[in-house]
Amino acid sequence: MAQRSRNAIFMATIKDTDFMPMKDLTSTQFYEVRIEGHLHAKWASWFDGMSIQLEESGETLLAGPVIDQAALYGLLKKVRNLGMPLISVNRKSNTKELSK
């Protein structure tokens, strides 16, 4: 019973105004994910919605829209599951900033 009372007091002290306003995270963000090695073309459909660029440096650049953080983690999980070393992840403010 003492634990329940303590929790009730704690919850009563938290107000909506106690939290910092968050940026609108509901809009799609654009990302570039750079990985070491060239990704075989057979994997293109697995990264739906992302463009795949094989670069002369021997790296692969995945670029495109990512709907939310869960989708970003899912994308990174796919990269990990392929066993390809991750080089970088960069969020871009719009599609014009994506590497050419």
C-alpha atoms as a PDB file:
ATOM      1  CA  MET A   1       0.000   0.000   0.000  1.00  0.00           C
ATOM      2  CA  ALA A   2       2.865   2.394   0.728  1.00  0.00           C
ATOM      3  CA  GLN A   3       4.262   1.749  -2.765  1.00  0.00           C
ATOM      4  CA  ARG A   4       0.929   2.598  -4.367  1.00  0.00           C
ATOM      5  CA  SER A   5       0.700   5.888  -2.451  1.00  0.00           C
ATOM      6  CA  ARG A   6       4.237   6.867  -3.432  1.00  0.00           C
ATOM      7  CA  ASN A   7       3.482   6.226  -7.115  1.00  0.00           C
ATOM      8  CA  ALA A   8       0.261   8.226  -6.916  1.00  0.00           C
ATOM      9  CA  ILE A   9       2.122  11.206  -5.430  1.00  0.00           C
ATOM     10  CA  PHE A  10       4.830  10.967  -8.079  1.00  0.00           C
ATOM     11  CA  MET A  11       2.327  10.793 -10.937  1.00  0.00           C
ATOM     12  CA  ALA A  12       0.342  13.698  -9.525  1.00  0.00           C
ATOM     13  CA  THR A  13       3.405  15.963  -9.690  1.00  0.00           C
ATOM     14  CA  ILE A  14       3.997  15.390 -13.411  1.00  0.00           C
ATOM     15  CA  LYS A  15       2.216  17.884 -15.637  1.00  0.00           C
ATOM     16  CA  ASP A  16       2.070  18.172 -19.402  1.00  0.00           C
ATOM     17  CA  THR A  17       4.015  21.408 -19.114  1.00  0.00           C
ATOM     18  CA  ASP A  18       6.955  19.583 -17.502  1.00  0.00           C
ATOM     19  CA  PHE A  19       8.066  18.174 -20.850  1.00  0.00           C
ATOM     20  CA  MET A  20       9.976  19.957 -23.556  1.00  0.00           C
ATOM     21  CA  PRO A  21       8.042  20.382 -26.806  1.00  0.00           C
ATOM     22  CA  MET A  22       9.134  17.848 -29.414  1.00  0.00           C
ATOM     23  CA  LYS A  23       9.741  18.423 -33.063  1.00  0.00           C
ATOM     24  CA  ASP A  24       7.104  16.985 -35.334  1.00  0.00           C
ATOM     25  CA  LEU A  25       8.421  13.450 -35.725  1.00  0.00           C
ATOM     26  CA  THR A  26       5.448  12.263 -37.737  1.00  0.00           C
ATOM     27  CA  SER A  27       6.807  13.461 -41.062  1.00  0.00           C
ATOM     28  CA  THR A  28       8.996  11.266 -43.211  1.00  0.00           C
ATOM     29  CA  GLN A  29      12.719  11.961 -42.950  1.00  0.00           C
ATOM     30  CA  PHE A  30      15.313  11.319 -45.641  1.00  0.00           C
ATOM     31  CA  TYR A  31      18.444   9.342 -44.843  1.00  0.00           C
ATOM     32  CA  GLU A  32      21.690   8.254 -46.432  1.00  0.00           C
ATOM     33  CA  VAL A  33      23.152   5.013 -45.143  1.00  0.00           C
ATOM     34  CA  ARG A  34      26.676   4.222 -46.308  1.00  0.00           C
ATOM     35  CA  ILE A  35      27.955   0.654 -46.050  1.00  0.00           C
ATOM     36  CA  GLU A  36      31.246  -1.002 -46.892  1.00  0.00           C
ATOM     37  CA  GLY A  37      31.228  -3.149 -50.012  1.00  0.00           C
ATOM     38  CA  HIS A  38      28.902  -3.339 -52.973  1.00  0.00           C
ATOM     39  CA  LEU A  39      25.403  -4.584 -52.306  1.00  0.00           C
ATOM     40  CA  HIS A  40      24.312  -7.193 -54.840  1.00  0.00           C
ATOM     41  CA  ALA A  41      21.365  -6.155 -57.023  1.00  0.00           C
ATOM     42  CA  LYS A  42      19.263  -9.063 -55.732  1.00  0.00           C
ATOM     43  CA  TRP A  43      18.861  -7.182 -52.418  1.00  0.00           C
ATOM     44  CA  ALA A  44      17.335  -4.045 -53.981  1.00  0.00           C
ATOM     45  CA  SER A  45      13.731  -5.091 -53.313  1.00  0.00           C
ATOM     46  CA  TRP A  46      14.590  -5.738 -49.650  1.00  0.00           C
ATOM     47  CA  PHE A  47      15.367  -2.033 -49.228  1.00  0.00           C
ATOM     48  CA  ASP A  48      12.100  -0.875 -50.800  1.00  0.00           C
ATOM     49  CA  GLY A  49      11.846   2.852 -51.312  1.00  0.00           C
ATOM     50  CA  MET A  50      15.603   3.371 -51.053  1.00  0.00           C
ATOM     51  CA  SER A  51      17.875   4.123 -53.993  1.00  0.00           C
ATOM     52  CA  ILE A  52      21.027   2.013 -54.114  1.00  0.00           C
ATOM     53  CA  GLN A  53      24.199   3.542 -55.522  1.00  0.00           C
ATOM     54  CA  LEU A  54      27.344   1.472 -55.951  1.00  0.00           C
ATOM     55  CA  GLU A  55      30.276   3.850 -55.647  1.00  0.00           C
ATOM     56  CA  GLU A  56      33.751   3.611 -57.169  1.00  0.00           C
ATOM     57  CA  SER A  57      35.213   3.619 -53.661  1.00  0.00           C
ATOM     58  CA  GLY A  58      33.724   0.168 -53.118  1.00  0.00           C
ATOM     59  CA  GLU A  59      30.938   1.473 -50.877  1.00  0.00           C
ATOM     60  CA  THR A  60      27.173   1.316 -51.273  1.00  0.00           C
ATOM     61  CA  LEU A  61      24.958   4.307 -50.566  1.00  0.00           C
ATOM     62  CA  LEU A  62      21.340   3.639 -49.629  1.00  0.00           C
ATOM     63  CA  ALA A  63      19.314   6.851 -49.840  1.00  0.00           C
ATOM     64  CA  GLY A  64      15.665   7.713 -49.484  1.00  0.00           C
ATOM     65  CA  PRO A  65      12.665   8.248 -47.233  1.00  0.00           C
ATOM     66  CA  VAL A  66      12.343   6.606 -43.820  1.00  0.00           C
ATOM     67  CA  ILE A  67       8.915   6.981 -42.252  1.00  0.00           C
ATOM     68  CA  ASP A  68       9.935   6.898 -38.565  1.00  0.00           C
ATOM     69  CA  GLN A  69      12.593   5.792 -36.078  1.00  0.00           C
ATOM     70  CA  ALA A  70      11.268   2.229 -36.001  1.00  0.00           C
ATOM     71  CA  ALA A  71      11.700   2.016 -39.784  1.00  0.00           C
ATOM     72  CA  LEU A  72      15.229   3.413 -39.464  1.00  0.00           C
ATOM     73  CA  TYR A  73      16.125   0.741 -36.909  1.00  0.00           C
ATOM     74  CA  GLY A  74      14.605  -1.863 -39.228  1.00  0.00           C
ATOM     75  CA  LEU A  75      16.761  -0.596 -42.093  1.00  0.00           C
ATOM     76  CA  LEU A  76      19.895  -0.740 -39.944  1.00  0.00           C
ATOM     77  CA  LYS A  77      18.948  -4.242 -38.807  1.00  0.00           C
ATOM     78  CA  LYS A  78      18.818  -5.345 -42.449  1.00  0.00           C
ATOM     79  CA  VAL A  79      22.301  -3.921 -43.031  1.00  0.00           C
ATOM     80  CA  ARG A  80      23.540  -5.768 -39.951  1.00  0.00           C
ATOM     81  CA  ASN A  81      21.910  -9.020 -41.071  1.00  0.00           C
ATOM     82  CA  LEU A  82      23.735  -8.799 -44.394  1.00  0.00           C
ATOM     83  CA  GLY A  83      27.018  -8.646 -42.484  1.00  0.00           C
ATOM     84  CA  MET A  84      28.099  -5.497 -44.301  1.00  0.00           C
ATOM     85  CA  PRO A  85      29.987  -2.991 -42.124  1.00  0.00           C
ATOM     86  CA  LEU A  86      28.088   0.254 -41.523  1.00  0.00           C
ATOM     87  CA  ILE A  87      30.113   3.362 -42.342  1.00  0.00           C
ATOM     88  CA  SER A  88      27.649   6.181 -41.662  1.00  0.00           C
ATOM     89  CA  VAL A  89      24.017   7.223 -41.268  1.00  0.00           C
ATOM     90  CA  ASN A  90      23.048  10.798 -42.130  1.00  0.00           C
ATOM     91  CA  ARG A  91      19.649  12.445 -41.926  1.00  0.00           C
ATOM     92  CA  LYS A  92      18.987  14.981 -44.659  1.00  0.00           C
ATOM     93  CA  SER A  93      16.494  17.803 -44.359  1.00  0.00           C
ATOM     94  CA  ASN A  94      15.099  17.182 -47.856  1.00  0.00           C
ATOM     95  CA  THR A  95      15.625  15.168 -51.010  1.00  0.00           C
ATOM     96  CA  LYS A  96      17.751  17.909 -52.603  1.00  0.00           C
ATOM     97  CA  GLU A  97      20.483  17.225 -50.039  1.00  0.00           C
ATOM     98  CA  LEU A  98      20.757  13.530 -50.917  1.00  0.00           C
ATOM     99  CA  SER A  99      24.069  12.652 -52.556  1.00  0.00           C
ATOM    100  CA  LYS A 100      24.048  12.547 -56.279  1.00  0.00           C
END
